[in-house]
Protein backbone atom coordinates (compact mmCIF):
# COMPACT_ATOMS: atom_id res chain seq x y z
CA UNK A 1 -10.53 -4.37 -23.38
CA UNK A 2 -11.08 -6.34 -20.22
CA UNK A 3 -9.69 -5.03 -16.96
CA UNK A 4 -8.25 -6.94 -13.97
CA UNK A 5 -10.62 -8.14 -11.30
CA UNK A 6 -12.06 -11.28 -9.78
CA UNK A 7 -12.01 -13.86 -12.56
CA UNK A 8 -15.49 -15.14 -13.17
CA UNK A 9 -17.22 -12.28 -11.40
CA UNK A 10 -19.90 -12.08 -14.07
CA UNK A 11 -19.17 -14.63 -16.81
CA UNK A 12 -21.15 -14.73 -20.00
CA UNK A 13 -21.25 -18.31 -21.25
CA UNK A 14 -22.04 -19.26 -24.81
CA UNK A 15 -22.06 -22.85 -26.06
CA UNK A 16 -21.93 -24.15 -29.62
CA UNK A 17 -22.70 -27.87 -30.16
CA UNK A 18 -20.98 -29.39 -33.15
CA UNK A 19 -24.39 -30.76 -34.11
CA UNK A 20 -27.83 -29.63 -32.97
CA UNK A 21 -28.78 -33.23 -32.19
CA UNK A 22 -27.16 -34.84 -29.19
CA UNK A 23 -27.45 -38.21 -30.99
CA UNK A 24 -25.61 -36.94 -34.07
CA UNK A 25 -22.47 -36.02 -32.18
CA UNK A 26 -21.29 -36.71 -28.63
CA UNK A 27 -19.11 -33.60 -28.60
CA UNK A 28 -20.19 -30.44 -26.86
CA UNK A 29 -17.94 -27.40 -26.45
CA UNK A 30 -18.37 -24.42 -24.18
CA UNK A 31 -16.54 -21.15 -24.68
CA UNK A 32 -16.38 -19.13 -21.45
CA UNK A 33 -16.23 -15.37 -21.77
CA UNK A 34 -16.14 -12.88 -18.93
CA UNK A 35 -16.05 -9.24 -18.07
CA UNK A 36 -14.04 -8.63 -14.92
CA UNK A 37 -16.45 -5.91 -13.88
CA UNK A 38 -19.57 -6.86 -11.99
CA UNK A 39 -21.72 -4.29 -13.79
CA UNK A 40 -23.48 -5.07 -17.08
CA UNK A 41 -20.95 -6.45 -19.55
CA UNK A 42 -20.04 -4.52 -22.69
CA UNK A 43 -19.80 -6.82 -25.69
CA UNK A 44 -19.33 -10.57 -25.47
CA UNK A 45 -16.39 -10.30 -23.09
CA UNK A 46 -12.95 -11.85 -23.22
CA UNK A 47 -12.37 -15.58 -23.69
CA UNK A 48 -11.07 -16.96 -20.38
CA UNK A 49 -11.49 -20.69 -20.96
CA UNK A 50 -13.01 -23.51 -22.98
CA UNK A 51 -14.62 -26.76 -21.93
CA UNK A 52 -15.34 -29.82 -24.08
CA UNK A 53 -17.29 -32.88 -22.98
CA UNK A 54 -19.92 -35.29 -24.19
CA UNK A 55 -23.62 -34.51 -24.25
CA UNK A 56 -24.27 -37.48 -21.97
CA UNK A 57 -21.79 -36.18 -19.38
CA UNK A 58 -23.30 -32.72 -19.55
CA UNK A 59 -26.95 -33.75 -19.21
CA UNK A 60 -26.25 -36.33 -16.51
CA UNK A 61 -24.08 -34.01 -14.43
CA UNK A 62 -26.99 -32.61 -12.48
CA UNK A 63 -26.52 -29.55 -10.29
CA UNK A 64 -22.89 -30.27 -9.40
CA UNK A 65 -20.46 -27.54 -10.60
CA UNK A 66 -17.85 -28.07 -13.29
CA UNK A 67 -14.51 -26.81 -11.96
CA UNK A 68 -12.32 -25.04 -14.50
CA UNK A 69 -8.82 -23.67 -13.57
CA UNK A 70 -9.94 -20.46 -11.89
CA UNK A 71 -13.63 -20.67 -12.63
CA UNK A 72 -16.55 -22.64 -11.21
CA UNK A 73 -19.27 -23.17 -13.80
CA UNK A 74 -22.80 -24.48 -13.34
CA UNK A 75 -24.91 -25.46 -16.35
CA UNK A 76 -28.61 -25.92 -16.92
CA UNK A 77 -30.61 -26.93 -19.96
CA UNK A 78 -31.82 -23.82 -21.79
CA UNK A 79 -34.35 -23.94 -24.59
CA UNK A 80 -33.11 -21.45 -27.14
CA UNK A 81 -32.92 -21.14 -30.89
CA UNK A 82 -29.60 -20.78 -32.67
CA UNK A 83 -27.59 -18.01 -30.96
CA UNK A 84 -30.49 -16.43 -29.08
CA UNK A 85 -28.65 -16.78 -25.77
CA UNK A 86 -25.60 -14.94 -27.08
CA UNK A 87 -27.66 -12.29 -28.81
CA UNK A 88 -29.56 -11.58 -25.60
CA UNK A 89 -26.33 -10.67 -23.82
CA UNK A 90 -25.30 -7.77 -26.01
CA UNK A 91 -26.47 -4.74 -27.89
CA UNK A 92 -25.25 -5.65 -31.35
CA UNK A 93 -23.64 -2.47 -32.66
CA UNK A 94 -22.06 -1.53 -29.33
CA UNK A 95 -20.90 -5.12 -28.82
CA UNK A 96 -19.20 -5.29 -32.22
CA UNK A 97 -17.14 -2.19 -31.52
CA UNK A 98 -16.18 -3.41 -28.07
CA UNK A 99 -15.36 -6.92 -29.24
CA UNK A 100 -13.10 -5.43 -31.88
CA UNK A 101 -11.06 -4.07 -29.00
CA UNK A 102 -10.74 -7.51 -27.43
CA UNK A 103 -9.60 -8.98 -30.72
CA UNK A 104 -7.32 -6.15 -31.80
CA UNK A 105 -5.95 -3.60 -29.38
CA UNK A 106 -5.18 -0.86 -31.89
CA UNK A 107 -8.57 -1.29 -33.52
CA UNK A 108 -10.27 -0.47 -30.23
CA UNK A 109 -8.24 2.71 -29.78
CA UNK A 110 -9.12 3.73 -33.34
CA UNK A 111 -12.80 3.05 -32.79
CA UNK A 112 -12.96 4.59 -29.31
CA UNK A 113 -15.12 7.46 -30.50
CA UNK A 114 -17.66 5.01 -31.92
CA UNK A 115 -18.09 3.37 -28.51
CA UNK A 116 -18.13 6.61 -26.51
CA UNK A 117 -20.55 8.21 -28.97
CA UNK A 118 -22.93 5.34 -28.32
CA UNK A 119 -22.40 5.63 -24.55
CA UNK A 120 -23.06 9.24 -23.51
CA UNK A 121 -22.83 10.27 -19.86
CA UNK A 122 -26.39 9.14 -19.17
CA UNK A 123 -25.81 5.69 -20.72
CA UNK A 124 -25.57 2.82 -18.19
CA UNK A 125 -22.39 1.57 -19.90
CA UNK A 126 -20.60 4.92 -19.93
CA UNK A 127 -18.28 3.95 -17.04
CA UNK A 128 -17.42 0.61 -18.67
CA UNK A 129 -16.63 2.32 -21.97
CA UNK A 130 -14.41 4.86 -20.22
CA UNK A 131 -12.60 2.08 -18.37
CA UNK A 132 -11.99 0.05 -21.53
CA UNK A 133 -10.68 3.11 -23.36
CA UNK A 134 -8.44 4.15 -20.46
CA UNK A 135 -6.89 0.67 -20.18
CA UNK A 136 -6.26 0.57 -23.91
CA UNK A 137 -4.52 3.94 -23.78
CA UNK A 138 -2.61 2.99 -20.61
CA UNK A 139 -1.18 -0.13 -22.26
CA UNK A 140 -0.14 2.02 -25.19
CA UNK A 141 1.49 4.51 -22.81
CA UNK A 142 3.45 1.72 -21.09
CA UNK A 143 4.58 0.53 -24.52
CA UNK A 144 6.08 3.99 -25.17
CA UNK A 145 3.16 5.24 -27.21
CA UNK A 146 3.44 8.93 -26.34
CA UNK A 147 -0.06 9.59 -25.08
CA UNK A 148 -0.59 11.95 -22.18
CA UNK A 149 -0.89 10.09 -18.90
CA UNK A 150 -3.01 12.95 -17.56
CA UNK A 151 -5.70 12.16 -20.12
CA UNK A 152 -5.60 8.48 -19.15
CA UNK A 153 -5.94 9.15 -15.43
CA UNK A 154 -8.76 11.60 -16.18
CA UNK A 155 -10.70 8.80 -17.88
CA UNK A 156 -10.22 6.54 -14.86
CA UNK A 157 -11.23 9.37 -12.53
CA UNK A 158 -14.40 9.93 -14.52
CA UNK A 159 -15.21 6.21 -14.38
CA UNK A 160 -14.57 6.17 -10.61
CA UNK A 161 -16.90 9.15 -10.14
CA UNK A 162 -19.63 7.11 -11.86
CA UNK A 163 -18.97 4.19 -9.49
CA UNK A 164 -19.16 5.65 -5.98
CA UNK A 165 -18.99 3.70 -2.73
CA UNK A 166 -21.34 0.69 -2.62
CA UNK A 167 -21.17 0.35 -6.41
CA UNK A 168 -20.14 -3.20 -7.25
CA UNK A 169 -17.25 -1.96 -9.43
CA UNK A 170 -16.03 0.75 -7.04
CA UNK A 171 -13.04 -1.39 -5.85
CA UNK A 172 -12.01 -2.17 -9.41
CA UNK A 173 -12.18 1.52 -10.39
CA UNK A 174 -9.98 2.41 -7.40
CA UNK A 175 -7.47 -0.19 -8.58
CA UNK A 176 -7.57 1.08 -12.17
CA UNK A 177 -6.80 4.65 -11.11
CA UNK A 178 -4.00 3.47 -8.82
CA UNK A 179 -2.42 1.52 -11.69
CA UNK A 180 -2.51 4.60 -13.93
CA UNK A 181 -0.84 6.72 -11.24
CA UNK A 182 1.83 4.06 -10.68
CA UNK A 183 2.54 4.01 -14.41
CA UNK A 184 2.92 7.78 -14.24
CA UNK A 185 5.77 7.75 -11.73
CA UNK A 186 7.40 4.66 -13.22
CA UNK A 187 7.58 6.00 -16.75
CA UNK A 188 7.54 9.78 -16.37
CA UNK A 189 10.51 11.45 -14.68
CA UNK A 190 8.46 14.61 -14.17
CA UNK A 191 5.81 12.88 -12.06
CA UNK A 192 5.53 14.29 -8.57
CA UNK A 193 5.31 12.89 -5.05
CA UNK A 194 1.60 13.77 -5.21
CA UNK A 195 1.02 10.76 -7.50
CA UNK A 196 2.68 8.43 -4.97
CA UNK A 197 0.68 9.93 -2.10
CA UNK A 198 -2.61 9.61 -3.97
CA UNK A 199 -1.85 6.00 -4.90
CA UNK A 200 -1.24 5.20 -1.22
CA UNK A 201 -4.61 6.76 -0.37
CA UNK A 202 -6.31 4.68 -3.05
CA UNK A 203 -4.74 1.45 -1.75
CA UNK A 204 -5.76 2.42 1.77
CA UNK A 205 -9.38 2.67 0.62
CA UNK A 206 -9.14 -0.38 -1.64
CA UNK A 207 -7.66 -3.05 0.65
CA UNK A 208 -10.66 -3.37 3.02
CA UNK A 209 -12.91 -3.80 -0.04
CA UNK A 210 -10.98 -6.82 -1.35
CA UNK A 211 -12.05 -10.04 0.42
CA UNK A 212 -9.37 -12.63 1.18
CA UNK A 213 -9.00 -15.21 -1.55
CA UNK A 214 -10.23 -13.01 -4.41
CA UNK A 215 -8.17 -12.33 -7.50
CA UNK A 216 -8.26 -8.57 -6.94
CA UNK A 217 -6.88 -9.09 -3.42
CA UNK A 218 -4.05 -11.23 -4.81
CA UNK A 219 -2.88 -8.57 -7.27
CA UNK A 220 -3.29 -5.75 -4.76
CA UNK A 221 -1.06 -7.67 -2.34
CA UNK A 222 1.29 -8.88 -5.09
CA UNK A 223 4.90 -7.73 -5.62
CA UNK A 224 3.79 -4.74 -7.70
CA UNK A 225 0.95 -3.87 -5.36
CA UNK A 226 0.74 -2.43 -1.88
CA UNK A 227 4.32 -3.26 -0.82
CA UNK A 228 5.67 -1.49 -3.88
CA UNK A 229 3.60 1.60 -3.04
CA UNK A 230 4.75 1.49 0.60
CA UNK A 231 8.37 1.37 -0.53
CA UNK A 232 7.90 4.39 -2.78
CA UNK A 233 6.26 6.33 0.06
CA UNK A 234 9.10 5.49 2.44
CA UNK A 235 11.60 6.82 -0.11
CA UNK A 236 9.91 10.24 -0.10
CA UNK A 237 11.41 13.09 1.91
CA UNK A 238 9.87 13.16 5.38
CA UNK A 239 7.61 16.18 5.72
CA UNK A 240 6.15 17.39 9.04
CA UNK A 241 3.25 19.22 7.37
CA UNK A 242 -0.32 18.04 7.90
CA UNK A 243 -0.25 16.38 4.48
CA UNK A 244 3.07 14.67 5.26
CA UNK A 245 1.78 13.30 8.56
CA UNK A 246 -1.45 12.15 6.91
CA UNK A 247 0.58 10.18 4.34
CA UNK A 248 2.67 8.49 7.05
CA UNK A 249 -0.50 7.53 8.91
CA UNK A 250 -1.85 5.94 5.73
CA UNK A 251 1.41 4.02 5.22
CA UNK A 252 1.29 2.75 8.82
CA UNK A 253 -2.28 1.52 8.32
CA UNK A 254 -1.12 -0.27 5.16
CA UNK A 255 1.39 -2.10 7.40
CA UNK A 256 -0.68 -4.06 9.95
CA UNK A 257 0.81 -6.07 12.80
CA UNK A 258 3.33 -8.56 11.44
CA UNK A 259 3.94 -6.64 8.20
CA UNK A 260 7.57 -6.50 7.15
CA UNK A 261 7.54 -2.71 6.74
CA UNK A 262 5.72 -1.83 9.98
CA UNK A 263 8.86 -1.02 11.97
CA UNK A 264 10.04 1.41 9.30
CA UNK A 265 6.54 2.96 9.10
CA UNK A 266 6.52 3.48 12.88
CA UNK A 267 9.98 5.06 12.70
CA UNK A 268 8.98 7.49 9.94
CA UNK A 269 5.73 8.59 11.60
CA UNK A 270 7.28 9.00 15.07
CA UNK A 271 10.12 11.09 13.59
CA UNK A 272 7.68 13.43 11.85
CA UNK A 273 5.53 13.79 14.96
CA UNK A 274 8.48 14.76 17.18
CA UNK A 275 9.59 17.22 14.50
CA UNK A 276 6.18 18.89 14.53
CA UNK A 277 6.16 18.89 18.33
CA UNK A 278 9.45 20.82 18.39
CA UNK A 279 7.94 23.30 15.93
CA UNK A 280 4.45 23.71 17.43
CA UNK A 281 4.60 22.32 20.97
CA UNK A 282 1.43 20.21 20.67
CA UNK A 283 1.60 17.63 23.47
CA UNK A 284 -0.66 15.26 21.52
CA UNK A 285 2.08 14.90 18.89
CA UNK A 286 4.60 14.04 21.59
CA UNK A 287 2.31 11.51 23.29
CA UNK A 288 1.63 9.83 19.96
CA UNK A 289 5.34 9.82 19.14
CA UNK A 290 6.02 8.02 22.43
CA UNK A 291 3.28 5.48 21.79
CA UNK A 292 4.68 4.61 18.36
CA UNK A 293 8.24 4.40 19.68
CA UNK A 294 7.14 2.00 22.41
CA UNK A 295 5.74 -0.27 19.74
CA UNK A 296 8.94 0.08 17.69
CA UNK A 297 11.02 -1.00 20.71
CA UNK A 298 8.76 -4.04 21.18
CA UNK A 299 9.03 -4.96 17.49
CA UNK A 300 12.78 -4.49 17.16
CA UNK A 301 13.95 -8.02 16.41
CA UNK A 302 16.84 -9.79 18.09
CA UNK A 303 19.93 -9.16 15.99
CA UNK A 304 18.62 -5.85 14.60
CA UNK A 305 21.51 -3.76 13.34
CA UNK A 306 21.08 -1.25 16.20
CA UNK A 307 18.17 -1.94 18.57
CA UNK A 308 19.59 0.75 20.89
CA UNK A 309 18.52 3.34 18.31
CA UNK A 310 14.83 2.97 19.26
CA UNK A 311 15.65 2.81 22.97
CA UNK A 312 17.50 6.11 22.68
CA UNK A 313 14.75 7.74 20.62
CA UNK A 314 12.14 6.75 23.19
CA UNK A 315 14.38 7.90 26.05
CA UNK A 316 14.87 11.31 24.39
CA UNK A 317 11.12 11.76 23.94
CA UNK A 318 10.43 10.82 27.57
CA UNK A 319 13.40 12.31 29.41
CA UNK A 320 14.16 15.36 27.33
CA UNK A 321 10.94 16.47 25.70
CA UNK A 322 8.05 15.28 27.88
CA UNK A 323 9.86 15.62 31.20
CA UNK A 324 10.89 19.18 30.29
CA UNK A 325 7.34 19.91 29.11
CA UNK A 326 5.36 18.34 31.98
CA UNK A 327 7.91 17.57 34.71
CA UNK A 328 6.68 14.02 35.42
CA UNK A 329 9.36 12.18 37.47
CA UNK A 330 8.40 8.78 36.06
CA UNK A 331 9.28 9.93 32.54
CA UNK A 332 12.83 10.80 33.61
CA UNK A 333 13.24 7.53 35.54
CA UNK A 334 12.09 5.51 32.55
CA UNK A 335 14.39 7.46 30.24
CA UNK A 336 17.40 6.61 32.45
CA UNK A 337 16.46 2.92 32.40
CA UNK A 338 16.22 3.03 28.60
CA UNK A 339 19.61 4.77 28.30
CA UNK A 340 21.13 2.10 30.54
CA UNK A 341 19.75 -0.67 28.31
CA UNK A 342 21.05 1.14 25.21
CA UNK A 343 24.51 1.45 26.78
CA UNK A 344 24.50 -2.28 27.55
CA UNK A 345 23.79 -2.94 23.85
CA UNK A 346 26.63 -0.59 22.83
CA UNK A 347 29.70 -1.90 24.69
CA UNK A 348 33.22 -0.51 24.42
CA UNK A 349 34.23 -0.63 20.77
CA UNK A 350 30.75 0.10 19.44
CA UNK A 351 30.73 3.18 17.19
CA UNK A 352 28.02 4.80 19.32
CA UNK A 353 29.36 3.80 22.75
CA UNK A 354 30.40 7.39 23.50
CA UNK A 355 26.98 8.70 22.48
CA UNK A 356 25.31 6.35 24.95
CA UNK A 357 27.75 7.37 27.70
CA UNK A 358 26.87 11.03 27.19
CA UNK A 359 23.13 10.40 26.92
CA UNK A 360 22.99 8.48 30.18
CA UNK A 361 25.29 10.98 31.91
CA UNK A 362 23.12 13.93 30.86
CA UNK A 363 19.93 12.22 32.09
CA UNK A 364 21.55 11.48 35.47
CA UNK A 365 22.58 15.14 35.77
CA UNK A 366 18.98 16.17 35.08
CA UNK A 367 17.72 13.89 37.82
CA UNK A 368 20.39 15.15 40.24
CA UNK A 369 19.26 18.73 39.59
CA UNK A 370 15.69 17.68 40.45
CA UNK A 371 16.26 15.43 43.48
CA UNK A 372 19.87 16.11 44.62
CA UNK A 373 20.72 12.42 44.96
CA UNK A 374 24.51 12.28 45.24
CA UNK A 375 24.66 8.85 43.58
CA UNK A 376 23.31 10.31 40.34
CA UNK A 377 25.99 13.01 40.03
CA UNK A 378 28.76 10.63 41.10
CA UNK A 379 27.76 8.16 38.41
CA UNK A 380 27.41 10.91 35.80
CA UNK A 381 30.97 12.11 36.49
CA UNK A 382 32.24 8.56 36.08
CA UNK A 383 30.49 8.23 32.71
CA UNK A 384 31.90 11.55 31.43
CA UNK A 385 35.41 10.54 32.56
CA UNK A 386 35.07 7.29 30.60
CA UNK A 387 33.92 9.21 27.54
CA UNK A 388 36.95 11.51 27.81
CA UNK A 389 39.33 8.55 28.19
CA UNK A 390 38.02 7.14 24.90
CA UNK A 391 38.90 10.45 23.20
CA UNK A 392 42.66 10.87 23.75
CA UNK A 393 44.62 13.97 22.68
CA UNK A 394 44.23 14.43 18.94
CA UNK A 395 40.73 12.96 18.79
CA UNK A 396 38.37 15.32 16.88
CA UNK A 397 35.75 15.13 19.65
CA UNK A 398 38.10 15.48 22.64
CA UNK A 399 37.20 19.13 23.20
CA UNK A 400 33.48 18.21 23.41
CA UNK A 401 34.28 15.53 25.99
CA UNK A 402 36.33 18.00 28.04
CA UNK A 403 33.50 20.54 28.07
CA UNK A 404 31.03 17.83 29.10
CA UNK A 405 33.13 16.69 32.04
CA UNK A 406 33.83 20.27 33.11
CA UNK A 407 30.10 21.04 33.09
CA UNK A 408 29.13 18.05 35.21
CA UNK A 409 31.93 18.76 37.74
CA UNK A 410 30.44 22.20 38.38
CA UNK A 411 26.93 20.86 39.16
């Protein structure tokens, strides 16, 4: 079975004139077969196109390429007898078994042992045979043929191990394994988050190896490719462990500048970093959290459902966490400016207007305690009074507002 890749990577071309003499018949047909792997092709390959033209057109065409839907073909006159060209491309017995798989899917699965027996670990085609077998079994798995997905992924893993970095088919083997893992979580309810995480890692390694304009790049970036994997990762529970943070870093790198999911990726990673900072107190996590939130604020588009959300998150990291940790006055000043902007974006009537009143009031109280500027405490009292007025008797949060005002009046 042929696997996805760059169409025409390594085509094997066989041609069969209707008559041996160019004078006897003007018709000349070319059948184009290809293996999508760049390594040595197993069998005659899969038919990807046909070309028919006259002998005169062929022989007078010179060195200019023939362009076929997704394939550029150059021809040259070859002196060969009968099918010598075709025979030179294949090892007959191995080719027959492999070609049976191209012609009949089930036949290839049945004859898999024949191919693998002829391709032991030391055989140069062992990886290709493993890949063909794994794809055949994967298609059967997707079609509800109850074969163990673990066995299928193991075959792809073994093929990948035989095609390390710098091997011409290393990118394709990464893609094959990623597809098997995606099939696992799509079709098996018992699949774990580990499959999703590993697939993200594979895409992270694969993307830089896929040049722009290639077929492999197009399917990696297609609707069922990297964006689908990013979406699945973003649906996972956020985890502040080292593995969880590593995954969110990978997702962010899969979302370069301008990517539609970058804002969400920044949000997820910054949230996990601040969570770990509160648990471990590592200032590097906090600094990185602030850097990512700054970018999120800059990316938040006009008309975003709540741009004040990122302003508040950044203000909390600066004015609450880093100022408390390091005591830098500029952090507190910037936090107050951010809270003021958030309050402007949440006018009276906004569901989070009271939250913004309290946030700004608390930051002003903190600055008053540091510098004893009377304007800060006067303004904070005014904000807490407004918050209380918006919570009349009977409001479920009125008691909280009363306590807040009472606290600031005693400062």
